[in-house]
Amino acid sequence: MNKQKNMQKSRYQKVQVVCPGNAMTAGPEALHQLVERMNALGQPAAMVYHPFNRTFAIPPAYQKYQAPVEKYSDLPGNLILFPEIFTKLALQTQQAEAAIWWMSVNNFTCVRYRNPLRDKLRYFKNQIKGRIPWRGLNALRGLRHFAQSHYAKLFLQENGIEALLLSDPIPVYTAPAYVATLPQRLAQSERLNRIFYNPHKGAAVTAQLKAAFPAWDFMPLTGYNREQLAEHFLTGKLYMDFGHHPGKDRLPREAALHGCCVITGLYGSAANSVDVPMDARYKLDPLFPTFIADFEREVLRIFNATAESQHDFDAYRHTITQEPTAFDAQVVAAFLK
């Protein structure tokens, strides 16, 4: 990548990346990661916090990215990159070029899958509140588009919009020094018949499974920092996620990297083999009549043949470790010339 930085020039005078002020979730972290990589590879970039008329400090957890912070500058020669929650703001740029980074398709579509009528009502309400353009995606065709996931790229493609991939790696865990320590940590781990889950994802399905298997050890992942999450992942055998996977989610990748098997539903990015590249047997449809029995079969197989099941995720883990290199190549393709 250093050669590419030396040989290529930045495409823009400056890229400003818009982020909600004081927000600390996966999306804002990815925005800070992007600014760090752009600057490292030769494209000047800075964070701009929203609302623009307020002053925000960089959240402590993101100070490690050393991302410059600036005031919003709608100037010729600049690119202003907005997350998909700010599509209306992107349309208000006057002189700079504007772009959307689609990290969560469902933030825009408002789709939650269980109730299509409610999804449409939610979308309409967001239009009334000014969060979504009245012409929907048609209003955004003149902007540049980037997709955090293959799922987002396909969604845009199906609607006549081409997007470049910008797929952020999971922080900390894909750093070379950390990856180098993993084999020994995995070899020393003693795993329980424990199932991890995110209580904020697929809550109805989780409740159904906990009721069906009350004797099993289901552990919610909430309130932990990255180091604590890693330690927990080394103690269990399975991470399940029946949420709507609006982008290429981090927890499934983090769990897999630490030796857990993973079972997901078939919504969003989990439905394709690019974002979540694992055997179809580990992707179950909660609406299928035999769902409970299928889940029981796979979990018991993981519990009783853990080492064999773990090998089913070798390709997935390898893909995860290569994400930083892939991300750098994507940044170069998008912002350098």
C-alpha atoms as a PDB file:
ATOM      1  CA  MET A   1       0.000   0.000   0.000  1.00  0.00           C
ATOM      2  CA  ASN A   2       2.936   2.386   0.615  1.00  0.00           C
ATOM      3  CA  LYS A   3       3.847   2.144  -3.078  1.00  0.00           C
ATOM      4  CA  GLN A   4       0.300   3.035  -4.051  1.00  0.00           C
ATOM      5  CA  LYS A   5       0.374   6.017  -1.715  1.00  0.00           C
ATOM      6  CA  ASN A   6       3.616   7.286  -3.249  1.00  0.00           C
ATOM      7  CA  MET A   7       2.555   6.701  -6.853  1.00  0.00           C
ATOM      8  CA  GLN A   8      -1.010   8.022  -6.730  1.00  0.00           C
ATOM      9  CA  LYS A   9      -2.485  11.409  -5.979  1.00  0.00           C
ATOM     10  CA  SER A  10      -5.514  12.198  -3.877  1.00  0.00           C
ATOM     11  CA  ARG A  11      -8.723  12.549  -5.854  1.00  0.00           C
ATOM     12  CA  TYR A  12     -10.037  15.388  -3.656  1.00  0.00           C
ATOM     13  CA  GLN A  13      -8.531  18.370  -1.876  1.00  0.00           C
ATOM     14  CA  LYS A  14     -10.242  17.067   1.263  1.00  0.00           C
ATOM     15  CA  VAL A  15     -12.765  14.406   2.171  1.00  0.00           C
ATOM     16  CA  GLN A  16     -15.016  15.352   5.063  1.00  0.00           C
ATOM     17  CA  VAL A  17     -16.780  12.447   6.735  1.00  0.00           C
ATOM     18  CA  VAL A  18     -19.999  13.355   8.531  1.00  0.00           C
ATOM     19  CA  CYS A  19     -20.742  11.549  11.790  1.00  0.00           C
ATOM     20  CA  PRO A  20     -23.376  12.056  14.519  1.00  0.00           C
ATOM     21  CA  GLY A  21     -21.750  13.820  17.465  1.00  0.00           C
ATOM     22  CA  ASN A  22     -21.113  11.754  20.611  1.00  0.00           C
ATOM     23  CA  ALA A  23     -22.297   8.563  18.881  1.00  0.00           C
ATOM     24  CA  MET A  24     -20.481   5.363  19.848  1.00  0.00           C
ATOM     25  CA  THR A  25     -21.690   2.388  17.830  1.00  0.00           C
ATOM     26  CA  ALA A  26     -20.249   0.307  14.998  1.00  0.00           C
ATOM     27  CA  GLY A  27     -21.202   2.833  12.317  1.00  0.00           C
ATOM     28  CA  PRO A  28     -19.461   5.864  13.863  1.00  0.00           C
ATOM     29  CA  GLU A  29     -16.385   3.778  14.564  1.00  0.00           C
ATOM     30  CA  ALA A  30     -16.246   2.721  10.914  1.00  0.00           C
ATOM     31  CA  LEU A  31     -16.413   6.405   9.908  1.00  0.00           C
ATOM     32  CA  HIS A  32     -13.404   7.179  12.121  1.00  0.00           C
ATOM     33  CA  GLN A  33     -11.557   4.147  10.731  1.00  0.00           C
ATOM     34  CA  LEU A  34     -12.162   5.384   7.208  1.00  0.00           C
ATOM     35  CA  VAL A  35     -10.717   8.831   7.950  1.00  0.00           C
ATOM     36  CA  GLU A  36      -7.632   7.246   9.517  1.00  0.00           C
ATOM     37  CA  ARG A  37      -7.018   5.001   6.499  1.00  0.00           C
ATOM     38  CA  MET A  38      -7.582   7.784   3.965  1.00  0.00           C
ATOM     39  CA  ASN A  39      -5.018   9.993   5.668  1.00  0.00           C
ATOM     40  CA  ALA A  40      -2.557   7.102   5.958  1.00  0.00           C
ATOM     41  CA  LEU A  41      -2.886   6.288   2.257  1.00  0.00           C
ATOM     42  CA  GLY A  42      -2.571   9.837   0.975  1.00  0.00           C
ATOM     43  CA  GLN A  43      -6.080  11.300   0.765  1.00  0.00           C
ATOM     44  CA  PRO A  44      -6.495  14.211   3.230  1.00  0.00           C
ATOM     45  CA  ALA A  45      -9.629  13.587   5.303  1.00  0.00           C
ATOM     46  CA  ALA A  46     -11.319  14.834   8.463  1.00  0.00           C
ATOM     47  CA  MET A  47     -14.324  14.155  10.655  1.00  0.00           C
ATOM     48  CA  VAL A  48     -17.254  16.565  10.742  1.00  0.00           C
ATOM     49  CA  TYR A  49     -19.722  16.065  13.571  1.00  0.00           C
ATOM     50  CA  HIS A  50     -23.443  16.701  13.226  1.00  0.00           C
ATOM     51  CA  PRO A  51     -25.337  18.890  14.130  1.00  0.00           C
ATOM     52  CA  PHE A  52     -22.919  21.221  12.377  1.00  0.00           C
ATOM     53  CA  ASN A  53     -23.678  24.188  14.650  1.00  0.00           C
ATOM     54  CA  ARG A  54     -22.426  22.359  17.745  1.00  0.00           C
ATOM     55  CA  THR A  55     -18.930  21.448  18.912  1.00  0.00           C
ATOM     56  CA  PHE A  56     -18.152  17.834  19.787  1.00  0.00           C
ATOM     57  CA  ALA A  57     -15.050  16.130  21.146  1.00  0.00           C
ATOM     58  CA  ILE A  58     -13.811  12.896  19.614  1.00  0.00           C
ATOM     59  CA  PRO A  59     -15.234  10.052  21.729  1.00  0.00           C
ATOM     60  CA  PRO A  60     -12.435   8.592  23.905  1.00  0.00           C
ATOM     61  CA  ALA A  61     -12.774   5.163  22.286  1.00  0.00           C
ATOM     62  CA  TYR A  62     -12.035   6.653  18.844  1.00  0.00           C
ATOM     63  CA  GLN A  63      -9.121   8.912  19.760  1.00  0.00           C
ATOM     64  CA  LYS A  64      -6.750   6.099  18.757  1.00  0.00           C
ATOM     65  CA  TYR A  65      -7.646   6.789  15.097  1.00  0.00           C
ATOM     66  CA  GLN A  66      -6.152  10.299  15.392  1.00  0.00           C
ATOM     67  CA  ALA A  67      -8.777  11.618  12.997  1.00  0.00           C
ATOM     68  CA  PRO A  68      -8.687  15.399  12.471  1.00  0.00           C
ATOM     69  CA  VAL A  69     -11.925  17.233  13.248  1.00  0.00           C
ATOM     70  CA  GLU A  70     -13.108  20.193  11.181  1.00  0.00           C
ATOM     71  CA  LYS A  71     -16.113  22.406  10.634  1.00  0.00           C
ATOM     72  CA  TYR A  72     -18.378  21.548   7.723  1.00  0.00           C
ATOM     73  CA  SER A  73     -16.921  23.015   4.496  1.00  0.00           C
ATOM     74  CA  ASP A  74     -19.088  22.860   1.392  1.00  0.00           C
ATOM     75  CA  LEU A  75     -16.308  23.920  -0.996  1.00  0.00           C
ATOM     76  CA  PRO A  76     -15.308  23.056  -4.571  1.00  0.00           C
ATOM     77  CA  GLY A  77     -12.740  20.278  -4.733  1.00  0.00           C
ATOM     78  CA  ASN A  78     -13.983  18.627  -1.542  1.00  0.00           C
ATOM     79  CA  LEU A  79     -15.993  15.441  -1.142  1.00  0.00           C
ATOM     80  CA  ILE A  80     -18.435  15.266   1.742  1.00  0.00           C
ATOM     81  CA  LEU A  81     -19.290  11.693   2.675  1.00  0.00           C
ATOM     82  CA  PHE A  82     -22.519  11.056   4.590  1.00  0.00           C
ATOM     83  CA  PRO A  83     -23.716   7.862   6.266  1.00  0.00           C
ATOM     84  CA  GLU A  84     -27.064   6.641   4.941  1.00  0.00           C
ATOM     85  CA  ILE A  85     -28.901   8.217   7.883  1.00  0.00           C
ATOM     86  CA  PHE A  86     -28.115  11.666   6.392  1.00  0.00           C
ATOM     87  CA  THR A  87     -29.288  11.323   2.795  1.00  0.00           C
ATOM     88  CA  LYS A  88     -31.299  14.565   3.007  1.00  0.00           C
ATOM     89  CA  LEU A  89     -28.191  16.448   4.160  1.00  0.00           C
ATOM     90  CA  ALA A  90     -26.216  15.024   1.233  1.00  0.00           C
ATOM     91  CA  LEU A  91     -28.724  16.547  -1.180  1.00  0.00           C
ATOM     92  CA  GLN A  92     -28.158  19.980   0.345  1.00  0.00           C
ATOM     93  CA  THR A  93     -24.504  20.267  -0.712  1.00  0.00           C
ATOM     94  CA  GLN A  94     -23.958  23.154  -3.119  1.00  0.00           C
ATOM     95  CA  GLN A  95     -20.311  23.208  -4.217  1.00  0.00           C
ATOM     96  CA  ALA A  96     -18.618  20.076  -2.887  1.00  0.00           C
ATOM     97  CA  GLU A  97     -19.277  16.630  -4.318  1.00  0.00           C
ATOM     98  CA  ALA A  98     -21.475  14.493  -2.058  1.00  0.00           C
ATOM     99  CA  ALA A  99     -21.395  10.754  -1.386  1.00  0.00           C
ATOM    100  CA  ILE A 100     -23.361   8.240   0.662  1.00  0.00           C
ATOM    101  CA  TRP A 101     -21.743   5.357   2.544  1.00  0.00           C
ATOM    102  CA  TRP A 102     -24.382   2.640   2.922  1.00  0.00           C
ATOM    103  CA  MET A 103     -23.459   0.925   6.174  1.00  0.00           C
ATOM    104  CA  SER A 104     -27.031  -0.038   7.027  1.00  0.00           C
ATOM    105  CA  VAL A 105     -29.499  -0.597   4.195  1.00  0.00           C
ATOM    106  CA  ASN A 106     -32.339  -1.030   6.650  1.00  0.00           C
ATOM    107  CA  ASN A 107     -31.816   2.386   8.234  1.00  0.00           C
ATOM    108  CA  PHE A 108     -33.023   3.738   4.889  1.00  0.00           C
ATOM    109  CA  THR A 109     -35.616   1.144   3.885  1.00  0.00           C
ATOM    110  CA  CYS A 110     -36.996   0.794   7.451  1.00  0.00           C
ATOM    111  CA  VAL A 111     -37.476  -2.928   6.774  1.00  0.00           C
ATOM    112  CA  ARG A 112     -37.664  -5.196   9.835  1.00  0.00           C
ATOM    113  CA  TYR A 113     -39.098  -8.178   7.902  1.00  0.00           C
ATOM    114  CA  ARG A 114     -41.762  -9.318  10.343  1.00  0.00           C
ATOM    115  CA  ASN A 115     -44.510  -6.940   9.259  1.00  0.00           C
ATOM    116  CA  PRO A 116     -44.293  -5.468   5.711  1.00  0.00           C
ATOM    117  CA  LEU A 117     -47.187  -3.065   6.335  1.00  0.00           C
ATOM    118  CA  ARG A 118     -45.496  -1.690   9.447  1.00  0.00           C
ATOM    119  CA  ASP A 119     -42.231  -1.373   7.488  1.00  0.00           C
ATOM    120  CA  LYS A 120     -43.981   0.779   4.858  1.00  0.00           C
ATOM    121  CA  LEU A 121     -45.610   2.912   7.539  1.00  0.00           C
ATOM    122  CA  ARG A 122     -42.247   3.415   9.254  1.00  0.00           C
ATOM    123  CA  TYR A 123     -40.695   4.469   5.926  1.00  0.00           C
ATOM    124  CA  PHE A 124     -43.534   6.943   5.279  1.00  0.00           C
ATOM    125  CA  LYS A 125     -43.176   8.447   8.762  1.00  0.00           C
ATOM    126  CA  ASN A 126     -39.449   8.959   8.170  1.00  0.00           C
ATOM    127  CA  GLN A 127     -40.247  10.748   4.932  1.00  0.00           C
ATOM    128  CA  ILE A 128     -42.658  13.044   6.773  1.00  0.00           C
ATOM    129  CA  LYS A 129     -40.005  13.731   9.421  1.00  0.00           C
ATOM    130  CA  GLY A 130     -37.551  14.693   6.677  1.00  0.00           C
ATOM    131  CA  ARG A 131     -35.155  11.781   7.187  1.00  0.00           C
ATOM    132  CA  ILE A 132     -35.710  10.265   3.748  1.00  0.00           C
ATOM    133  CA  PRO A 133     -36.140  12.146   0.436  1.00  0.00           C
ATOM    134  CA  TRP A 134     -39.674  12.068  -0.964  1.00  0.00           C
ATOM    135  CA  ARG A 135     -38.354  10.575  -4.203  1.00  0.00           C
ATOM    136  CA  GLY A 136     -36.449   7.917  -2.279  1.00  0.00           C
ATOM    137  CA  LEU A 137     -33.430   6.456  -4.045  1.00  0.00           C
ATOM    138  CA  ASN A 138     -34.285   8.334  -7.249  1.00  0.00           C
ATOM    139  CA  ALA A 139     -33.306  11.567  -5.516  1.00  0.00           C
ATOM    140  CA  LEU A 140     -29.834  10.187  -4.777  1.00  0.00           C
ATOM    141  CA  ARG A 141     -28.770   9.061  -8.246  1.00  0.00           C
ATOM    142  CA  GLY A 142     -26.515  12.066  -8.833  1.00  0.00           C
ATOM    143  CA  LEU A 143     -24.315  11.302  -5.801  1.00  0.00           C
ATOM    144  CA  ARG A 144     -21.362   8.938  -5.372  1.00  0.00           C
ATOM    145  CA  HIS A 145     -22.209   5.750  -3.499  1.00  0.00           C
ATOM    146  CA  PHE A 146     -20.166   3.368  -1.386  1.00  0.00           C
ATOM    147  CA  ALA A 147     -21.358   0.066   0.051  1.00  0.00           C
ATOM    148  CA  GLN A 148     -20.136  -1.368   3.340  1.00  0.00           C
ATOM    149  CA  SER A 149     -21.468  -4.812   2.402  1.00  0.00           C
ATOM    150  CA  HIS A 150     -22.199  -6.950  -0.623  1.00  0.00           C
ATOM    151  CA  TYR A 151     -25.815  -6.804   0.547  1.00  0.00           C
ATOM    152  CA  ALA A 152     -25.801  -2.995   0.243  1.00  0.00           C
ATOM    153  CA  LYS A 153     -24.071  -3.141  -3.152  1.00  0.00           C
ATOM    154  CA  LEU A 154     -26.733  -5.543  -4.463  1.00  0.00           C
ATOM    155  CA  PHE A 155     -29.547  -3.421  -3.009  1.00  0.00           C
ATOM    156  CA  LEU A 156     -28.267  -0.340  -4.816  1.00  0.00           C
ATOM    157  CA  GLN A 157     -27.586  -2.278  -8.020  1.00  0.00           C
ATOM    158  CA  GLU A 158     -31.146  -3.602  -8.047  1.00  0.00           C
ATOM    159  CA  ASN A 159     -32.288   0.018  -7.895  1.00  0.00           C
ATOM    160  CA  GLY A 160     -30.067   1.167 -10.754  1.00  0.00           C
ATOM    161  CA  ILE A 161     -27.264   2.660  -8.634  1.00  0.00           C
ATOM    162  CA  GLU A 162     -23.651   1.501  -8.881  1.00  0.00           C
ATOM    163  CA  ALA A 163     -21.548   1.616  -5.722  1.00  0.00           C
ATOM    164  CA  LEU A 164     -17.931   0.914  -4.823  1.00  0.00           C
ATOM    165  CA  LEU A 165     -17.218  -1.377  -1.886  1.00  0.00           C
ATOM    166  CA  LEU A 166     -15.871   0.174   1.318  1.00  0.00           C
ATOM    167  CA  SER A 167     -16.011  -2.684   3.782  1.00  0.00           C
ATOM    168  CA  ASP A 168     -14.474  -1.840   7.170  1.00  0.00           C
ATOM    169  CA  PRO A 169     -12.477  -4.457   9.068  1.00  0.00           C
ATOM    170  CA  ILE A 170     -13.325  -5.249  12.683  1.00  0.00           C
ATOM    171  CA  PRO A 171     -11.102  -3.072  14.896  1.00  0.00           C
ATOM    172  CA  VAL A 172      -8.372  -4.423  17.179  1.00  0.00           C
ATOM    173  CA  TYR A 173      -9.017  -8.051  16.313  1.00  0.00           C
ATOM    174  CA  THR A 174      -7.604  -7.855  12.783  1.00  0.00           C
ATOM    175  CA  ALA A 175      -4.424  -6.009  13.770  1.00  0.00           C
ATOM    176  CA  PRO A 176      -1.434  -8.219  12.800  1.00  0.00           C
ATOM    177  CA  ALA A 177      -0.092  -8.368  16.356  1.00  0.00           C
ATOM    178  CA  TYR A 178      -3.464  -9.501  17.694  1.00  0.00           C
ATOM    179  CA  VAL A 179      -3.999 -12.063  14.938  1.00  0.00           C
ATOM    180  CA  ALA A 180      -0.547 -13.489  15.685  1.00  0.00           C
ATOM    181  CA  THR A 181      -1.551 -14.245  19.297  1.00  0.00           C
ATOM    182  CA  LEU A 182      -4.828 -15.938  18.387  1.00  0.00           C
ATOM    183  CA  PRO A 183      -3.631 -19.485  17.565  1.00  0.00           C
ATOM    184  CA  GLN A 184      -2.136 -19.922  21.029  1.00  0.00           C
ATOM    185  CA  ARG A 185      -5.162 -18.397  22.743  1.00  0.00           C
ATOM    186  CA  LEU A 186      -7.513 -20.615  20.748  1.00  0.00           C
ATOM    187  CA  ALA A 187      -5.476 -23.726  21.566  1.00  0.00           C
ATOM    188  CA  GLN A 188      -5.574 -22.940  25.285  1.00  0.00           C
ATOM    189  CA  SER A 189      -9.264 -22.093  25.465  1.00  0.00           C
ATOM    190  CA  GLU A 190     -11.615 -24.378  27.379  1.00  0.00           C
ATOM    191  CA  ARG A 191     -15.074 -24.059  25.927  1.00  0.00           C
ATOM    192  CA  LEU A 192     -18.421 -24.607  27.585  1.00  0.00           C
ATOM    193  CA  ASN A 193     -21.652 -25.579  25.861  1.00  0.00           C
ATOM    194  CA  ARG A 194     -22.525 -21.914  25.803  1.00  0.00           C
ATOM    195  CA  ILE A 195     -24.519 -19.924  23.237  1.00  0.00           C
ATOM    196  CA  PHE A 196     -23.834 -16.205  22.910  1.00  0.00           C
ATOM    197  CA  TYR A 197     -26.361 -13.741  21.527  1.00  0.00           C
ATOM    198  CA  ASN A 198     -26.919 -10.002  21.182  1.00  0.00           C
ATOM    199  CA  PRO A 199     -30.099  -9.136  23.127  1.00  0.00           C
ATOM    200  CA  HIS A 200     -30.731  -6.231  20.731  1.00  0.00           C
ATOM    201  CA  LYS A 201     -30.860  -8.490  17.652  1.00  0.00           C
ATOM    202  CA  GLY A 202     -33.684 -10.910  16.857  1.00  0.00           C
ATOM    203  CA  ALA A 203     -35.174 -10.741  20.340  1.00  0.00           C
ATOM    204  CA  ALA A 204     -38.374 -12.595  19.413  1.00  0.00           C
ATOM    205  CA  VAL A 205     -36.487 -15.565  17.948  1.00  0.00           C
ATOM    206  CA  THR A 206     -34.085 -15.616  20.888  1.00  0.00           C
ATOM    207  CA  ALA A 207     -37.019 -15.766  23.310  1.00  0.00           C
ATOM    208  CA  GLN A 208     -38.506 -18.624  21.297  1.00  0.00           C
ATOM    209  CA  LEU A 209     -35.268 -20.616  21.434  1.00  0.00           C
ATOM    210  CA  LYS A 210     -34.662 -19.972  25.127  1.00  0.00           C
ATOM    211  CA  ALA A 211     -38.180 -21.201  25.874  1.00  0.00           C
ATOM    212  CA  ALA A 212     -37.633 -24.327  23.754  1.00  0.00           C
ATOM    213  CA  PHE A 213     -34.297 -25.187  25.400  1.00  0.00           C
ATOM    214  CA  PRO A 214     -34.434 -23.910  29.004  1.00  0.00           C
ATOM    215  CA  ALA A 215     -31.529 -26.119  30.133  1.00  0.00           C
ATOM    216  CA  TRP A 216     -29.071 -24.623  27.643  1.00  0.00           C
ATOM    217  CA  ASP A 217     -26.628 -21.873  28.598  1.00  0.00           C
ATOM    218  CA  PHE A 218     -27.639 -18.744  26.638  1.00  0.00           C
ATOM    219  CA  MET A 219     -25.407 -15.749  27.435  1.00  0.00           C
ATOM    220  CA  PRO A 220     -26.371 -12.197  26.373  1.00  0.00           C
ATOM    221  CA  LEU A 221     -23.542  -9.953  25.184  1.00  0.00           C
ATOM    222  CA  THR A 222     -24.187  -6.512  26.563  1.00  0.00           C
ATOM    223  CA  GLY A 223     -22.115  -3.989  28.496  1.00  0.00           C
ATOM    224  CA  TYR A 224     -18.734  -5.456  27.553  1.00  0.00           C
ATOM    225  CA  ASN A 225     -15.744  -3.734  25.990  1.00  0.00           C
ATOM    226  CA  ARG A 226     -13.782  -5.392  23.163  1.00  0.00           C
ATOM    227  CA  GLU A 227     -11.278  -7.093  25.467  1.00  0.00           C
ATOM    228  CA  GLN A 228     -14.052  -8.531  27.633  1.00  0.00           C
ATOM    229  CA  LEU A 229     -15.958  -9.713  24.556  1.00  0.00           C
ATOM    230  CA  ALA A 230     -12.865 -11.539  23.322  1.00  0.00           C
ATOM    231  CA  GLU A 231     -12.429 -13.295  26.656  1.00  0.00           C
ATOM    232  CA  HIS A 232     -16.076 -14.391  26.629  1.00  0.00           C
ATOM    233  CA  PHE A 233     -15.911 -15.646  23.047  1.00  0.00           C
ATOM    234  CA  LEU A 234     -13.042 -17.940  24.065  1.00  0.00           C
ATOM    235  CA  THR A 235     -15.268 -19.643  26.672  1.00  0.00           C
ATOM    236  CA  GLY A 236     -18.217 -20.653  24.475  1.00  0.00           C
ATOM    237  CA  LYS A 237     -18.971 -22.685  21.367  1.00  0.00           C
ATOM    238  CA  LEU A 238     -21.628 -20.760  19.468  1.00  0.00           C
ATOM    239  CA  TYR A 239     -22.780 -17.259  18.599  1.00  0.00           C
ATOM    240  CA  MET A 240     -26.299 -16.947  17.174  1.00  0.00           C
ATOM    241  CA  ASP A 241     -27.725 -13.896  15.453  1.00  0.00           C
ATOM    242  CA  PHE A 242     -31.272 -13.835  14.093  1.00  0.00           C
ATOM    243  CA  GLY A 243     -31.328 -10.077  13.635  1.00  0.00           C
ATOM    244  CA  HIS A 244     -31.901  -8.310  10.337  1.00  0.00           C
ATOM    245  CA  HIS A 245     -28.176  -7.851   9.457  1.00  0.00           C
ATOM    246  CA  PRO A 246     -28.510  -4.387   7.861  1.00  0.00           C
ATOM    247  CA  GLY A 247     -24.828  -4.423   6.882  1.00  0.00           C
ATOM    248  CA  LYS A 248     -21.799  -6.656   7.370  1.00  0.00           C
ATOM    249  CA  ASP A 249     -22.166  -6.889  11.133  1.00  0.00           C
ATOM    250  CA  ARG A 250     -19.194  -7.073  13.459  1.00  0.00           C
ATOM    251  CA  LEU A 251     -20.273  -9.480  16.220  1.00  0.00           C
ATOM    252  CA  PRO A 252     -20.544 -12.542  13.940  1.00  0.00           C
ATOM    253  CA  ARG A 253     -17.048 -11.812  12.624  1.00  0.00           C
ATOM    254  CA  GLU A 254     -15.652 -11.241  16.118  1.00  0.00           C
ATOM    255  CA  ALA A 255     -17.185 -14.483  17.374  1.00  0.00           C
ATOM    256  CA  ALA A 256     -15.929 -16.539  14.438  1.00  0.00           C
ATOM    257  CA  LEU A 257     -12.405 -15.137  14.716  1.00  0.00           C
ATOM    258  CA  HIS A 258     -12.280 -16.271  18.340  1.00  0.00           C
ATOM    259  CA  GLY A 259     -13.214 -19.849  17.537  1.00  0.00           C
ATOM    260  CA  CYS A 260     -16.980 -19.758  17.977  1.00  0.00           C
ATOM    261  CA  CYS A 261     -19.276 -21.382  15.473  1.00  0.00           C
ATOM    262  CA  VAL A 262     -21.950 -19.045  14.135  1.00  0.00           C
ATOM    263  CA  ILE A 263     -25.618 -19.582  13.315  1.00  0.00           C
ATOM    264  CA  THR A 264     -27.635 -16.816  11.665  1.00  0.00           C
ATOM    265  CA  GLY A 265     -30.980 -16.260  10.044  1.00  0.00           C
ATOM    266  CA  LEU A 266     -31.426 -15.396   6.370  1.00  0.00           C
ATOM    267  CA  TYR A 267     -32.075 -11.670   6.541  1.00  0.00           C
ATOM    268  CA  GLY A 268     -29.957  -8.894   5.085  1.00  0.00           C
ATOM    269  CA  SER A 269     -26.250  -9.547   4.699  1.00  0.00           C
ATOM    270  CA  ALA A 270     -26.558 -12.992   6.320  1.00  0.00           C
ATOM    271  CA  ALA A 271     -28.460 -14.226   3.266  1.00  0.00           C
ATOM    272  CA  ASN A 272     -25.448 -14.064   0.940  1.00  0.00           C
ATOM    273  CA  SER A 273     -22.178 -16.003   0.936  1.00  0.00           C
ATOM    274  CA  VAL A 274     -19.958 -12.940   0.442  1.00  0.00           C
ATOM    275  CA  ASP A 275     -20.690 -10.995   3.623  1.00  0.00           C
ATOM    276  CA  VAL A 276     -21.159 -14.109   5.764  1.00  0.00           C
ATOM    277  CA  PRO A 277     -19.222 -16.843   3.938  1.00  0.00           C
ATOM    278  CA  MET A 278     -20.186 -19.985   5.823  1.00  0.00           C
ATOM    279  CA  ASP A 279     -21.933 -23.241   5.037  1.00  0.00           C
ATOM    280  CA  ALA A 280     -25.665 -22.993   4.389  1.00  0.00           C
ATOM    281  CA  ARG A 281     -26.367 -25.469   7.184  1.00  0.00           C
ATOM    282  CA  TYR A 282     -25.551 -22.675   9.659  1.00  0.00           C
ATOM    283  CA  LYS A 283     -28.125 -20.282   8.166  1.00  0.00           C
ATOM    284  CA  LEU A 284     -31.631 -21.097   9.374  1.00  0.00           C
ATOM    285  CA  ASP A 285     -34.997 -19.563   8.578  1.00  0.00           C
ATOM    286  CA  PRO A 286     -36.977 -18.898  11.814  1.00  0.00           C
ATOM    287  CA  LEU A 287     -40.221 -19.017   9.801  1.00  0.00           C
ATOM    288  CA  PHE A 288     -39.551 -22.527   8.497  1.00  0.00           C
ATOM    289  CA  PRO A 289     -41.767 -25.203  10.121  1.00  0.00           C
ATOM    290  CA  THR A 290     -38.775 -27.282  11.270  1.00  0.00           C
ATOM    291  CA  PHE A 291     -36.747 -24.326  12.550  1.00  0.00           C
ATOM    292  CA  ILE A 292     -36.632 -25.420  16.197  1.00  0.00           C
ATOM    293  CA  ALA A 293     -35.637 -28.968  15.268  1.00  0.00           C
ATOM    294  CA  ASP A 294     -33.031 -27.721  12.777  1.00  0.00           C
ATOM    295  CA  PHE A 295     -31.531 -25.420  15.380  1.00  0.00           C
ATOM    296  CA  GLU A 296     -31.394 -28.219  17.944  1.00  0.00           C
ATOM    297  CA  ARG A 297     -29.676 -30.546  15.447  1.00  0.00           C
ATOM    298  CA  GLU A 298     -26.957 -28.036  14.575  1.00  0.00           C
ATOM    299  CA  VAL A 299     -26.349 -26.936  18.150  1.00  0.00           C
ATOM    300  CA  LEU A 300     -26.001 -30.491  19.410  1.00  0.00           C
ATOM    301  CA  ARG A 301     -23.597 -31.224  16.583  1.00  0.00           C
ATOM    302  CA  ILE A 302     -21.509 -28.185  17.589  1.00  0.00           C
ATOM    303  CA  PHE A 303     -21.605 -29.169  21.257  1.00  0.00           C
ATOM    304  CA  ASN A 304     -20.616 -32.788  20.568  1.00  0.00           C
ATOM    305  CA  ALA A 305     -18.156 -32.277  17.716  1.00  0.00           C
ATOM    306  CA  THR A 306     -16.749 -28.853  18.452  1.00  0.00           C
ATOM    307  CA  ALA A 307     -13.360 -29.168  16.734  1.00  0.00           C
ATOM    308  CA  GLU A 308     -14.923 -30.581  13.568  1.00  0.00           C
ATOM    309  CA  SER A 309     -17.560 -27.839  13.531  1.00  0.00           C
ATOM    310  CA  GLN A 310     -14.958 -25.115  14.107  1.00  0.00           C
ATOM    311  CA  HIS A 311     -13.140 -26.165  10.924  1.00  0.00           C
ATOM    312  CA  ASP A 312     -16.302 -25.375   8.963  1.00  0.00           C
ATOM    313  CA  PHE A 313     -15.486 -21.715   9.658  1.00  0.00           C
ATOM    314  CA  ASP A 314     -11.821 -21.727   8.605  1.00  0.00           C
ATOM    315  CA  ALA A 315     -12.533 -19.929   5.318  1.00  0.00           C
ATOM    316  CA  TYR A 316     -14.682 -17.344   7.101  1.00  0.00           C
ATOM    317  CA  ARG A 317     -11.890 -16.666   9.606  1.00  0.00           C
ATOM    318  CA  HIS A 318      -9.311 -16.338   6.851  1.00  0.00           C
ATOM    319  CA  THR A 319     -11.508 -13.797   5.056  1.00  0.00           C
ATOM    320  CA  ILE A 320     -11.821 -11.774   8.266  1.00  0.00           C
ATOM    321  CA  THR A 321      -8.046 -11.625   8.777  1.00  0.00           C
ATOM    322  CA  GLN A 322      -7.627 -10.296   5.220  1.00  0.00           C
ATOM    323  CA  GLU A 323     -10.127  -7.451   5.693  1.00  0.00           C
ATOM    324  CA  PRO A 324      -7.582  -4.697   6.532  1.00  0.00           C
ATOM    325  CA  THR A 325      -5.678  -5.326   3.285  1.00  0.00           C
ATOM    326  CA  ALA A 326      -8.926  -5.421   1.294  1.00  0.00           C
ATOM    327  CA  PHE A 327     -10.127  -2.192   2.933  1.00  0.00           C
ATOM    328  CA  ASP A 328      -6.918  -0.360   2.031  1.00  0.00           C
ATOM    329  CA  ALA A 329      -7.288  -1.458  -1.591  1.00  0.00           C
ATOM    330  CA  GLN A 330     -10.884  -0.235  -1.611  1.00  0.00           C
ATOM    331  CA  VAL A 331      -9.877   3.147  -0.127  1.00  0.00           C
ATOM    332  CA  VAL A 332      -7.200   3.531  -2.814  1.00  0.00           C
ATOM    333  CA  ALA A 333      -9.701   2.678  -5.586  1.00  0.00           C
ATOM    334  CA  ALA A 334     -12.261   5.138  -4.215  1.00  0.00           C
ATOM    335  CA  PHE A 335     -10.159   8.149  -3.241  1.00  0.00           C
ATOM    336  CA  LEU A 336      -6.800   8.025  -5.006  1.00  0.00           C
ATOM    337  CA  LYS A 337      -5.963   8.337  -8.694  1.00  0.00           C
END
